[in-house]
Amino acid sequence: VILVGFGGAAAGGYLIYSMASGAPEVSIDAFESPESSLILDRNNNVIAEIGYQKRSNVTYEDLPNSLIDALVSIEDSRFFEHTGFDLVRFTKAMLENVMATLKAGRIVFAQGGSTLTMQMIDVTHVTTTQDQNVIQKLIAKVQEIFMALDAESYMSKEAILTSYLNNINFGGPARGIQKGAQYYFGKDISEVNLSEAAFLAGVINAPNAYNPYLNYENAVARRNNALQLMLNHGYISETE
């Protein structure tokens, strides 16, 4: 029995290694998101902005604490403790997927279990398509985990958060947190209040579904969910 157990563990380890070995090389250049170009008049007033995507990068120092707290609360509560992969979170997500699959009678990926580092890798390094089969999705997830561990070995948590927020889609034409704040609230990210920060952290999950220009009730509910999680994790008080 012991030999069978060791054999199974060895086979499983080799399988995981085989999946991970095909992962793209983590490139620091990929974490830098290209900004759109500004056209100025003779008085340095912006008269046009051009580019495939509308983006204006920010630094970690530009991010208000309320946004960081909201993002961690709703996306990855142990972000500042793990090393890129959260086994507890991942196991919980897999169990929920199994239950959802049994209930639906077909394979369902209801929860991803990805950390913010894994999400950063997904945005900057991984190309996925809707027609991928279960095996392809599993291989992509294993590779994503190993790439996240690699990234965390030489990137600070602050750099990871900044890269993620500068790259992510916020809905409409907005790419990156600065354009997200301007698109929804007409202000720079450093100026958003608690309610606005909670919304921006929440809209990332499904930018179209939670876009208040398209579905205001969904947007408010998502904002409220982010605020509740911030309360649960001790970042804000009941009064706030």
C-alpha atoms as a PDB file:
ATOM      1  CA  VAL A   1       0.000   0.000   0.000  1.00  0.00           C
ATOM      2  CA  ILE A   2       2.835   2.373   0.877  1.00  0.00           C
ATOM      3  CA  LEU A   3       4.566   1.633  -2.422  1.00  0.00           C
ATOM      4  CA  VAL A   4       1.340   2.254  -4.314  1.00  0.00           C
ATOM      5  CA  GLY A   5       0.952   5.537  -2.462  1.00  0.00           C
ATOM      6  CA  PHE A   6       4.496   6.635  -3.304  1.00  0.00           C
ATOM      7  CA  GLY A   7       3.970   5.546  -6.891  1.00  0.00           C
ATOM      8  CA  GLY A   8       0.783   7.562  -7.181  1.00  0.00           C
ATOM      9  CA  ALA A   9       2.445  10.606  -5.643  1.00  0.00           C
ATOM     10  CA  ALA A  10       5.392  10.301  -8.019  1.00  0.00           C
ATOM     11  CA  ALA A  11       3.099   9.950 -11.026  1.00  0.00           C
ATOM     12  CA  GLY A  12       1.069  12.946  -9.903  1.00  0.00           C
ATOM     13  CA  GLY A  13       4.189  15.005  -9.377  1.00  0.00           C
ATOM     14  CA  TYR A  14       5.517  14.100 -12.809  1.00  0.00           C
ATOM     15  CA  LEU A  15       2.155  14.989 -14.396  1.00  0.00           C
ATOM     16  CA  ILE A  16       2.144  18.407 -12.722  1.00  0.00           C
ATOM     17  CA  TYR A  17       5.769  18.979 -13.731  1.00  0.00           C
ATOM     18  CA  SER A  18       4.921  18.094 -17.332  1.00  0.00           C
ATOM     19  CA  MET A  19       2.040  20.566 -17.344  1.00  0.00           C
ATOM     20  CA  ALA A  20       4.150  23.335 -15.833  1.00  0.00           C
ATOM     21  CA  SER A  21       7.150  22.775 -18.101  1.00  0.00           C
ATOM     22  CA  GLY A  22       5.321  24.248 -21.094  1.00  0.00           C
ATOM     23  CA  ALA A  23       4.547  27.533 -19.339  1.00  0.00           C
ATOM     24  CA  PRO A  24       5.662  30.748 -21.063  1.00  0.00           C
ATOM     25  CA  GLU A  25       8.732  32.401 -19.576  1.00  0.00           C
ATOM     26  CA  VAL A  26       7.790  35.151 -17.138  1.00  0.00           C
ATOM     27  CA  SER A  27       8.896  38.449 -18.677  1.00  0.00           C
ATOM     28  CA  ILE A  28       9.247  41.617 -16.636  1.00  0.00           C
ATOM     29  CA  ASP A  29       8.547  43.631 -19.807  1.00  0.00           C
ATOM     30  CA  ALA A  30       5.086  42.072 -20.080  1.00  0.00           C
ATOM     31  CA  PHE A  31       4.096  43.635 -16.759  1.00  0.00           C
ATOM     32  CA  GLU A  32       4.537  47.122 -18.220  1.00  0.00           C
ATOM     33  CA  SER A  33       1.284  48.209 -19.841  1.00  0.00           C
ATOM     34  CA  PRO A  34       1.504  50.594 -22.837  1.00  0.00           C
ATOM     35  CA  GLU A  35      -0.131  53.982 -22.360  1.00  0.00           C
ATOM     36  CA  SER A  36      -2.239  55.707 -24.979  1.00  0.00           C
ATOM     37  CA  SER A  37      -0.761  58.769 -26.710  1.00  0.00           C
ATOM     38  CA  LEU A  38      -1.957  62.306 -26.023  1.00  0.00           C
ATOM     39  CA  ILE A  39      -2.207  64.987 -28.703  1.00  0.00           C
ATOM     40  CA  LEU A  40      -1.689  68.494 -27.281  1.00  0.00           C
ATOM     41  CA  ASP A  41      -2.377  71.937 -28.702  1.00  0.00           C
ATOM     42  CA  ARG A  42       0.099  74.806 -28.545  1.00  0.00           C
ATOM     43  CA  ASN A  43      -1.056  75.563 -24.980  1.00  0.00           C
ATOM     44  CA  ASN A  44      -0.449  71.975 -23.831  1.00  0.00           C
ATOM     45  CA  ASN A  45      -4.167  71.223 -23.614  1.00  0.00           C
ATOM     46  CA  VAL A  46      -5.180  67.664 -24.522  1.00  0.00           C
ATOM     47  CA  ILE A  47      -7.194  67.684 -27.739  1.00  0.00           C
ATOM     48  CA  ALA A  48      -7.093  63.948 -28.549  1.00  0.00           C
ATOM     49  CA  GLU A  49      -6.050  60.603 -27.126  1.00  0.00           C
ATOM     50  CA  ILE A  50      -5.081  57.792 -29.469  1.00  0.00           C
ATOM     51  CA  GLY A  51      -4.171  54.153 -29.017  1.00  0.00           C
ATOM     52  CA  TYR A  52      -5.624  50.662 -29.250  1.00  0.00           C
ATOM     53  CA  GLN A  53      -6.665  51.008 -25.610  1.00  0.00           C
ATOM     54  CA  LYS A  54      -7.142  54.070 -23.401  1.00  0.00           C
ATOM     55  CA  ARG A  55      -4.666  53.740 -20.535  1.00  0.00           C
ATOM     56  CA  SER A  56      -2.675  55.963 -18.182  1.00  0.00           C
ATOM     57  CA  ASN A  57      -0.398  54.163 -15.736  1.00  0.00           C
ATOM     58  CA  VAL A  58      -0.088  55.011 -12.044  1.00  0.00           C
ATOM     59  CA  THR A  59       2.358  54.122  -9.270  1.00  0.00           C
ATOM     60  CA  TYR A  60       1.593  52.287  -6.043  1.00  0.00           C
ATOM     61  CA  GLU A  61       1.826  55.586  -4.179  1.00  0.00           C
ATOM     62  CA  ASP A  62      -1.093  56.919  -6.251  1.00  0.00           C
ATOM     63  CA  LEU A  63      -3.414  54.187  -4.952  1.00  0.00           C
ATOM     64  CA  PRO A  64      -5.557  55.115  -1.924  1.00  0.00           C
ATOM     65  CA  ASN A  65      -5.511  52.672   0.980  1.00  0.00           C
ATOM     66  CA  SER A  66      -9.266  52.204   0.635  1.00  0.00           C
ATOM     67  CA  LEU A  67      -8.787  50.781  -2.882  1.00  0.00           C
ATOM     68  CA  ILE A  68      -6.058  48.375  -1.788  1.00  0.00           C
ATOM     69  CA  ASP A  69      -8.148  47.231   1.184  1.00  0.00           C
ATOM     70  CA  ALA A  70     -11.222  46.752  -1.023  1.00  0.00           C
ATOM     71  CA  LEU A  71      -9.307  44.831  -3.693  1.00  0.00           C
ATOM     72  CA  VAL A  72      -7.690  42.485  -1.180  1.00  0.00           C
ATOM     73  CA  SER A  73     -11.009  41.965   0.619  1.00  0.00           C
ATOM     74  CA  ILE A  74     -12.988  41.000  -2.456  1.00  0.00           C
ATOM     75  CA  GLU A  75     -10.332  39.236  -4.545  1.00  0.00           C
ATOM     76  CA  ASP A  76      -7.572  37.790  -2.346  1.00  0.00           C
ATOM     77  CA  SER A  77      -7.782  38.261   1.423  1.00  0.00           C
ATOM     78  CA  ARG A  78      -4.393  36.604   2.091  1.00  0.00           C
ATOM     79  CA  PHE A  79      -2.554  38.423  -0.689  1.00  0.00           C
ATOM     80  CA  PHE A  80       0.106  39.905   1.583  1.00  0.00           C
ATOM     81  CA  GLU A  81       0.769  36.532   3.259  1.00  0.00           C
ATOM     82  CA  HIS A  82       0.947  33.938   0.450  1.00  0.00           C
ATOM     83  CA  THR A  83       3.745  33.443  -2.089  1.00  0.00           C
ATOM     84  CA  GLY A  84       1.596  33.641  -5.220  1.00  0.00           C
ATOM     85  CA  PHE A  85      -0.549  30.552  -4.660  1.00  0.00           C
ATOM     86  CA  ASP A  86      -3.104  30.155  -1.845  1.00  0.00           C
ATOM     87  CA  LEU A  87      -3.730  26.444  -1.289  1.00  0.00           C
ATOM     88  CA  VAL A  88      -6.654  27.076   1.091  1.00  0.00           C
ATOM     89  CA  ARG A  89      -8.415  29.375  -1.379  1.00  0.00           C
ATOM     90  CA  PHE A  90      -7.689  27.064  -4.310  1.00  0.00           C
ATOM     91  CA  THR A  91      -8.951  23.955  -2.481  1.00  0.00           C
ATOM     92  CA  LYS A  92     -12.140  25.747  -1.444  1.00  0.00           C
ATOM     93  CA  ALA A  93     -12.753  26.825  -5.050  1.00  0.00           C
ATOM     94  CA  MET A  94     -12.174  23.304  -6.359  1.00  0.00           C
ATOM     95  CA  LEU A  95     -14.641  21.835  -3.838  1.00  0.00           C
ATOM     96  CA  GLU A  96     -17.229  24.423  -4.899  1.00  0.00           C
ATOM     97  CA  ASN A  97     -16.601  23.500  -8.541  1.00  0.00           C
ATOM     98  CA  VAL A  98     -17.125  19.809  -7.759  1.00  0.00           C
ATOM     99  CA  MET A  99     -20.415  20.566  -6.001  1.00  0.00           C
ATOM    100  CA  ALA A 100     -21.535  22.811  -8.874  1.00  0.00           C
ATOM    101  CA  THR A 101     -20.608  20.086 -11.371  1.00  0.00           C
ATOM    102  CA  LEU A 102     -22.569  17.432  -9.488  1.00  0.00           C
ATOM    103  CA  LYS A 103     -25.576  19.734  -9.268  1.00  0.00           C
ATOM    104  CA  ALA A 104     -25.474  20.736 -12.944  1.00  0.00           C
ATOM    105  CA  GLY A 105     -24.661  17.292 -14.295  1.00  0.00           C
ATOM    106  CA  ARG A 106     -21.830  18.733 -16.390  1.00  0.00           C
ATOM    107  CA  ILE A 107     -18.373  20.147 -15.726  1.00  0.00           C
ATOM    108  CA  VAL A 108     -18.673  23.626 -14.238  1.00  0.00           C
ATOM    109  CA  PHE A 109     -15.918  26.067 -13.245  1.00  0.00           C
ATOM    110  CA  ALA A 110     -17.897  28.300 -10.900  1.00  0.00           C
ATOM    111  CA  GLN A 111     -14.849  29.419  -8.904  1.00  0.00           C
ATOM    112  CA  GLY A 112     -11.265  29.929 -10.044  1.00  0.00           C
ATOM    113  CA  GLY A 113      -9.378  30.188  -6.780  1.00  0.00           C
ATOM    114  CA  SER A 114      -6.826  32.505  -8.387  1.00  0.00           C
ATOM    115  CA  THR A 115      -4.741  34.865  -6.286  1.00  0.00           C
ATOM    116  CA  LEU A 116      -4.144  38.440  -7.420  1.00  0.00           C
ATOM    117  CA  THR A 117      -0.678  37.358  -8.543  1.00  0.00           C
ATOM    118  CA  MET A 118      -2.195  34.608 -10.683  1.00  0.00           C
ATOM    119  CA  GLN A 119      -4.687  37.097 -12.089  1.00  0.00           C
ATOM    120  CA  MET A 120      -1.807  39.429 -12.971  1.00  0.00           C
ATOM    121  CA  ILE A 121      -0.112  36.552 -14.813  1.00  0.00           C
ATOM    122  CA  ASP A 122      -3.374  35.744 -16.580  1.00  0.00           C
ATOM    123  CA  VAL A 123      -3.745  39.339 -17.782  1.00  0.00           C
ATOM    124  CA  THR A 124      -0.128  39.823 -18.893  1.00  0.00           C
ATOM    125  CA  HIS A 125       1.092  36.393 -20.024  1.00  0.00           C
ATOM    126  CA  VAL A 126      -1.763  33.965 -20.703  1.00  0.00           C
ATOM    127  CA  THR A 127      -4.001  33.810 -23.755  1.00  0.00           C
ATOM    128  CA  THR A 128      -7.211  31.835 -23.197  1.00  0.00           C
ATOM    129  CA  THR A 129     -10.121  31.071 -25.496  1.00  0.00           C
ATOM    130  CA  GLN A 130     -13.721  30.069 -24.894  1.00  0.00           C
ATOM    131  CA  ASP A 131     -13.335  26.815 -26.801  1.00  0.00           C
ATOM    132  CA  GLN A 132     -10.614  25.349 -24.570  1.00  0.00           C
ATOM    133  CA  ASN A 133     -11.452  21.904 -23.230  1.00  0.00           C
ATOM    134  CA  VAL A 134     -11.159  20.814 -19.597  1.00  0.00           C
ATOM    135  CA  ILE A 135      -7.623  19.439 -20.011  1.00  0.00           C
ATOM    136  CA  GLN A 136      -6.416  22.625 -21.681  1.00  0.00           C
ATOM    137  CA  LYS A 137      -7.947  24.735 -18.900  1.00  0.00           C
ATOM    138  CA  LEU A 138      -6.306  22.540 -16.263  1.00  0.00           C
ATOM    139  CA  ILE A 139      -2.890  22.813 -17.920  1.00  0.00           C
ATOM    140  CA  ALA A 140      -3.286  26.596 -18.215  1.00  0.00           C
ATOM    141  CA  LYS A 141      -4.178  26.840 -14.512  1.00  0.00           C
ATOM    142  CA  VAL A 142      -1.158  24.755 -13.429  1.00  0.00           C
ATOM    143  CA  GLN A 143       1.137  26.887 -15.575  1.00  0.00           C
ATOM    144  CA  GLU A 144      -0.429  30.036 -14.153  1.00  0.00           C
ATOM    145  CA  ILE A 145       0.348  28.852 -10.606  1.00  0.00           C
ATOM    146  CA  PHE A 146       4.007  28.169 -11.363  1.00  0.00           C
ATOM    147  CA  MET A 147       4.401  31.467 -13.206  1.00  0.00           C
ATOM    148  CA  ALA A 148       2.857  33.305 -10.236  1.00  0.00           C
ATOM    149  CA  LEU A 149       5.312  31.650  -7.857  1.00  0.00           C
ATOM    150  CA  ASP A 150       8.140  32.697 -10.172  1.00  0.00           C
ATOM    151  CA  ALA A 151       6.917  36.300 -10.348  1.00  0.00           C
ATOM    152  CA  GLU A 152       6.645  36.528  -6.563  1.00  0.00           C
ATOM    153  CA  SER A 153      10.272  35.440  -6.221  1.00  0.00           C
ATOM    154  CA  TYR A 154      11.525  38.756  -7.610  1.00  0.00           C
ATOM    155  CA  MET A 155       8.570  41.172  -7.550  1.00  0.00           C
ATOM    156  CA  SER A 156       7.277  42.980  -4.486  1.00  0.00           C
ATOM    157  CA  LYS A 157       3.623  42.779  -3.505  1.00  0.00           C
ATOM    158  CA  GLU A 158       3.315  46.482  -4.291  1.00  0.00           C
ATOM    159  CA  ALA A 159       4.724  45.988  -7.802  1.00  0.00           C
ATOM    160  CA  ILE A 160       2.354  43.070  -8.431  1.00  0.00           C
ATOM    161  CA  LEU A 161      -0.707  45.069  -7.366  1.00  0.00           C
ATOM    162  CA  THR A 162       0.363  48.069  -9.436  1.00  0.00           C
ATOM    163  CA  SER A 163       0.974  45.971 -12.548  1.00  0.00           C
ATOM    164  CA  TYR A 164      -2.365  44.228 -12.157  1.00  0.00           C
ATOM    165  CA  LEU A 165      -4.323  47.442 -11.694  1.00  0.00           C
ATOM    166  CA  ASN A 166      -2.577  49.156 -14.609  1.00  0.00           C
ATOM    167  CA  ASN A 167      -3.388  46.266 -16.956  1.00  0.00           C
ATOM    168  CA  ILE A 168      -6.897  45.151 -16.003  1.00  0.00           C
ATOM    169  CA  ASN A 169     -10.084  45.942 -17.925  1.00  0.00           C
ATOM    170  CA  PHE A 170     -12.493  48.248 -16.079  1.00  0.00           C
ATOM    171  CA  GLY A 171     -15.242  48.285 -18.694  1.00  0.00           C
ATOM    172  CA  GLY A 172     -16.081  50.508 -21.635  1.00  0.00           C
ATOM    173  CA  PRO A 173     -12.908  52.080 -23.042  1.00  0.00           C
ATOM    174  CA  ALA A 174     -11.135  52.078 -19.664  1.00  0.00           C
ATOM    175  CA  ARG A 175      -7.998  49.991 -19.244  1.00  0.00           C
ATOM    176  CA  GLY A 176      -6.139  50.389 -15.979  1.00  0.00           C
ATOM    177  CA  ILE A 177      -7.259  51.845 -12.668  1.00  0.00           C
ATOM    178  CA  GLN A 178      -6.602  55.491 -13.597  1.00  0.00           C
ATOM    179  CA  LYS A 179      -8.832  55.359 -16.658  1.00  0.00           C
ATOM    180  CA  GLY A 180     -11.378  53.383 -14.633  1.00  0.00           C
ATOM    181  CA  ALA A 181     -11.630  56.177 -12.056  1.00  0.00           C
ATOM    182  CA  GLN A 182     -11.899  58.795 -14.776  1.00  0.00           C
ATOM    183  CA  TYR A 183     -14.475  56.812 -16.788  1.00  0.00           C
ATOM    184  CA  TYR A 184     -16.856  56.246 -13.877  1.00  0.00           C
ATOM    185  CA  PHE A 185     -16.214  59.212 -11.587  1.00  0.00           C
ATOM    186  CA  GLY A 186     -14.382  61.875 -13.593  1.00  0.00           C
ATOM    187  CA  LYS A 187     -11.439  62.001 -11.178  1.00  0.00           C
ATOM    188  CA  ASP A 188      -7.946  60.616 -10.681  1.00  0.00           C
ATOM    189  CA  ILE A 189      -7.614  57.378  -8.729  1.00  0.00           C
ATOM    190  CA  SER A 190      -5.868  59.186  -5.869  1.00  0.00           C
ATOM    191  CA  GLU A 191      -9.052  61.232  -5.330  1.00  0.00           C
ATOM    192  CA  VAL A 192     -11.694  58.485  -5.084  1.00  0.00           C
ATOM    193  CA  ASN A 193     -13.636  58.029  -1.849  1.00  0.00           C
ATOM    194  CA  LEU A 194     -14.442  54.799  -0.013  1.00  0.00           C
ATOM    195  CA  SER A 195     -17.628  54.041  -1.943  1.00  0.00           C
ATOM    196  CA  GLU A 196     -15.922  54.651  -5.289  1.00  0.00           C
ATOM    197  CA  ALA A 197     -12.894  52.558  -4.315  1.00  0.00           C
ATOM    198  CA  ALA A 198     -15.146  49.664  -3.306  1.00  0.00           C
ATOM    199  CA  PHE A 199     -16.931  49.829  -6.649  1.00  0.00           C
ATOM    200  CA  LEU A 200     -13.690  49.928  -8.654  1.00  0.00           C
ATOM    201  CA  ALA A 201     -12.362  46.885  -6.799  1.00  0.00           C
ATOM    202  CA  GLY A 202     -15.612  45.030  -7.466  1.00  0.00           C
ATOM    203  CA  VAL A 203     -16.184  45.894 -11.125  1.00  0.00           C
ATOM    204  CA  ILE A 204     -12.999  44.041 -12.181  1.00  0.00           C
ATOM    205  CA  ASN A 205     -14.724  40.663 -11.796  1.00  0.00           C
ATOM    206  CA  ALA A 206     -17.218  41.354 -14.612  1.00  0.00           C
ATOM    207  CA  PRO A 207     -16.761  44.832 -16.141  1.00  0.00           C
ATOM    208  CA  ASN A 208     -19.803  44.618 -18.402  1.00  0.00           C
ATOM    209  CA  ALA A 209     -22.169  43.066 -15.862  1.00  0.00           C
ATOM    210  CA  TYR A 210     -21.254  45.599 -13.153  1.00  0.00           C
ATOM    211  CA  ASN A 211     -20.958  48.685 -15.359  1.00  0.00           C
ATOM    212  CA  PRO A 212     -23.402  51.221 -13.835  1.00  0.00           C
ATOM    213  CA  TYR A 213     -23.938  52.817 -17.252  1.00  0.00           C
ATOM    214  CA  LEU A 214     -25.410  49.486 -18.364  1.00  0.00           C
ATOM    215  CA  ASN A 215     -26.800  47.984 -15.139  1.00  0.00           C
ATOM    216  CA  TYR A 216     -26.933  50.347 -12.204  1.00  0.00           C
ATOM    217  CA  GLU A 217     -28.542  47.903  -9.759  1.00  0.00           C
ATOM    218  CA  ASN A 218     -25.856  45.283 -10.369  1.00  0.00           C
ATOM    219  CA  ALA A 219     -23.154  47.908  -9.856  1.00  0.00           C
ATOM    220  CA  VAL A 220     -24.610  49.063  -6.537  1.00  0.00           C
ATOM    221  CA  ALA A 221     -24.999  45.467  -5.308  1.00  0.00           C
ATOM    222  CA  ARG A 222     -21.372  44.702  -6.215  1.00  0.00           C
ATOM    223  CA  ARG A 223     -20.181  47.879  -4.466  1.00  0.00           C
ATOM    224  CA  ASN A 224     -22.157  46.881  -1.378  1.00  0.00           C
ATOM    225  CA  ASN A 225     -20.651  43.397  -1.463  1.00  0.00           C
ATOM    226  CA  ALA A 226     -17.147  44.888  -1.517  1.00  0.00           C
ATOM    227  CA  LEU A 227     -17.982  47.149   1.431  1.00  0.00           C
ATOM    228  CA  GLN A 228     -19.395  44.215   3.409  1.00  0.00           C
ATOM    229  CA  LEU A 229     -16.230  42.199   2.822  1.00  0.00           C
ATOM    230  CA  MET A 230     -14.111  45.170   3.895  1.00  0.00           C
ATOM    231  CA  LEU A 231     -16.139  45.253   7.112  1.00  0.00           C
ATOM    232  CA  ASN A 232     -15.770  41.501   7.600  1.00  0.00           C
ATOM    233  CA  HIS A 233     -11.984  41.750   7.241  1.00  0.00           C
ATOM    234  CA  GLY A 234     -11.755  44.704   9.636  1.00  0.00           C
ATOM    235  CA  TYR A 235     -10.717  47.405   7.155  1.00  0.00           C
ATOM    236  CA  ILE A 236     -13.715  49.647   7.841  1.00  0.00           C
ATOM    237  CA  SER A 237     -16.187  50.131  10.670  1.00  0.00           C
ATOM    238  CA  GLU A 238     -19.952  49.578  10.613  1.00  0.00           C
ATOM    239  CA  THR A 239     -20.420  53.367  10.545  1.00  0.00           C
ATOM    240  CA  GLU A 240     -18.164  53.736   7.536  1.00  0.00           C
END
